[in-house]
Amino acid sequence: MLSDSQVKSLKIEDGKRHADRDGLVLELRPSKKKLNKVFIFRFQWDKKPQTITIGNYDSIGLKEARNIAWAYRELVNKGIDPRVQNTEQQKKITFSVVADQWFQKYKGTWKDFGSSPNPGALHLSTKHSNS
């Protein structure tokens, strides 16, 4: 099982893939600028090996990657293909949802919060809504 300090200290000489648990694997991908450390989930579906990219270590961290891998493992154990589940969740994401997440993330960075834009006034979710 990997620890945060182990992940931070990994170098490309240490190998290409490092297994954690529940199908979680850390893959080392060198680029010109730096070494990318990417979490992938490995599992068997229809007796064939499959993978899902979870995300970059710098973005999500080891704890969150383990939680995601555990959730994927639970889906596999229930007979649900996590790739299909993942695709269906992505279809539910709208521009309005992304815009609201962006606003919540960056609203504290403006100098005067009172002068920040009000996303509710833009009516992002109603102008092009399917309903």
Protein backbone atom coordinates (compact mmCIF):
# COMPACT_ATOMS: atom_id res chain seq x y z
CA MET A 1 0.00 0.00 0.00
CA LEU A 2 1.30 3.44 -0.94
CA SER A 3 1.75 6.39 1.39
CA ASP A 4 1.74 10.09 0.49
CA SER A 5 5.46 10.38 1.24
CA GLN A 6 6.22 7.39 -1.02
CA VAL A 7 4.19 8.88 -3.87
CA LYS A 8 5.92 12.26 -3.53
CA SER A 9 9.38 10.67 -3.60
CA LEU A 10 8.81 8.34 -6.57
CA LYS A 11 11.18 8.77 -9.47
CA ILE A 12 10.94 7.23 -12.93
CA GLU A 13 13.82 4.88 -12.04
CA ASP A 14 11.58 3.33 -9.38
CA GLY A 15 9.38 1.73 -12.07
CA LYS A 16 6.39 2.58 -14.18
CA ARG A 17 3.42 1.35 -12.10
CA HIS A 18 2.86 1.04 -8.36
CA ALA A 19 -0.15 -0.89 -7.06
CA ASP A 20 -2.06 0.35 -4.02
CA ARG A 21 -5.29 -1.53 -3.23
CA ASP A 22 -8.81 -2.16 -4.58
CA GLY A 23 -7.47 -1.96 -8.14
CA LEU A 24 -5.87 1.46 -7.65
CA VAL A 25 -2.55 1.86 -9.47
CA LEU A 26 -0.23 4.85 -9.65
CA GLU A 27 1.27 5.15 -13.13
CA LEU A 28 4.39 7.25 -13.72
CA ARG A 29 4.30 9.15 -17.00
CA PRO A 30 7.40 11.21 -17.77
CA SER A 31 7.10 14.38 -19.84
CA LYS A 32 9.65 16.98 -20.89
CA LYS A 33 8.84 19.25 -17.95
CA LYS A 34 8.07 16.87 -15.10
CA LEU A 35 7.03 13.41 -14.00
CA ASN A 36 3.24 13.02 -14.06
CA LYS A 37 1.81 10.68 -11.45
CA VAL A 38 -1.58 9.44 -12.63
CA PHE A 39 -4.02 7.22 -10.74
CA ILE A 40 -5.78 4.53 -12.72
CA PHE A 41 -8.33 1.92 -11.68
CA ARG A 42 -7.75 -1.60 -13.03
CA PHE A 43 -10.49 -4.20 -13.10
CA GLN A 44 -11.79 -7.21 -15.04
CA TRP A 45 -14.95 -6.90 -17.15
CA ASP A 46 -16.17 -9.75 -19.34
CA LYS A 47 -12.95 -11.58 -18.46
CA LYS A 48 -10.88 -8.79 -20.02
CA PRO A 49 -8.62 -6.32 -18.19
CA GLN A 50 -9.96 -2.75 -18.22
CA THR A 51 -8.71 0.60 -16.89
CA ILE A 52 -10.24 3.93 -15.98
CA THR A 53 -8.08 7.02 -15.48
CA ILE A 54 -9.00 8.58 -12.14
CA GLY A 55 -6.77 11.64 -12.22
CA ASN A 56 -3.42 13.24 -11.55
CA TYR A 57 -1.85 12.99 -8.08
CA ASP A 58 -1.34 16.77 -8.00
CA SER A 59 -5.07 17.32 -8.58
CA ILE A 60 -6.84 14.75 -6.42
CA GLY A 61 -4.37 13.19 -4.00
CA LEU A 62 -4.03 9.66 -2.70
CA LYS A 63 -6.98 9.68 -0.26
CA GLU A 64 -9.52 10.84 -2.85
CA ALA A 65 -8.13 8.42 -5.45
CA ARG A 66 -8.62 5.57 -2.96
CA ASN A 67 -12.20 6.65 -2.33
CA ILE A 68 -12.94 6.74 -6.06
CA ALA A 69 -11.28 3.34 -6.62
CA TRP A 70 -13.29 1.88 -3.75
CA ALA A 71 -16.53 3.23 -5.27
CA TYR A 72 -15.59 1.75 -8.66
CA ARG A 73 -14.77 -1.59 -7.00
CA GLU A 74 -18.21 -1.58 -5.33
CA LEU A 75 -19.85 -1.04 -8.74
CA VAL A 76 -17.88 -3.94 -10.24
CA ASN A 77 -18.86 -6.16 -7.30
CA LYS A 78 -22.53 -5.30 -7.97
CA GLY A 79 -22.17 -6.21 -11.65
CA ILE A 80 -22.19 -2.60 -12.88
CA ASP A 81 -19.58 -1.47 -15.40
CA PRO A 82 -18.02 1.66 -13.83
CA ARG A 83 -17.17 3.04 -17.29
CA VAL A 84 -20.89 3.17 -18.17
CA GLN A 85 -21.77 4.68 -14.79
CA ASN A 86 -19.06 7.31 -15.27
CA THR A 87 -20.34 8.22 -18.76
CA GLU A 88 -23.91 8.62 -17.50
CA GLN A 89 -22.76 10.95 -14.71
CA GLN A 90 -20.80 13.06 -17.19
CA LYS A 91 -23.91 13.46 -19.36
CA LYS A 92 -25.73 15.00 -16.37
CA ILE A 93 -23.16 17.78 -16.00
CA THR A 94 -24.43 21.00 -17.58
CA PHE A 95 -22.79 24.34 -18.20
CA SER A 96 -24.85 25.76 -15.36
CA VAL A 97 -23.40 23.21 -12.92
CA VAL A 98 -19.83 23.92 -14.05
CA ALA A 99 -20.38 27.70 -13.93
CA ASP A 100 -21.78 27.47 -10.40
CA GLN A 101 -18.83 25.32 -9.26
CA TRP A 102 -16.42 27.83 -10.79
CA PHE A 103 -18.18 30.72 -9.07
CA GLN A 104 -18.12 28.98 -5.67
CA LYS A 105 -14.42 28.15 -6.07
CA TYR A 106 -13.25 31.64 -7.08
CA LYS A 107 -15.68 33.98 -5.33
CA GLY A 108 -13.29 34.47 -2.41
CA THR A 109 -10.49 35.69 -4.68
CA TRP A 110 -12.23 38.91 -5.74
CA LYS A 111 -11.21 42.05 -3.86
CA ASP A 112 -14.74 43.16 -3.03
CA PHE A 113 -17.24 40.32 -2.89
CA GLY A 114 -20.09 42.84 -3.15
CA SER A 115 -18.99 43.80 -6.65
CA SER A 116 -18.63 40.22 -7.89
CA PRO A 117 -20.94 38.97 -10.61
CA ASN A 118 -24.14 37.29 -9.54
CA PRO A 119 -24.46 34.03 -11.49
CA GLY A 120 -28.16 33.88 -10.66
CA ALA A 121 -28.73 37.10 -12.59
CA LEU A 122 -27.26 35.55 -15.72
CA HIS A 123 -29.95 32.84 -15.88
CA LEU A 124 -27.50 30.34 -17.29
CA SER A 125 -29.70 27.35 -16.64
CA THR A 126 -32.91 28.69 -18.21
CA LYS A 127 -31.86 30.28 -21.50
CA HIS A 128 -30.89 27.05 -23.24
CA SER A 129 -32.65 24.59 -20.99
CA ASN A 130 -34.24 21.49 -22.50
CA SER A 131 -37.24 21.73 -20.22
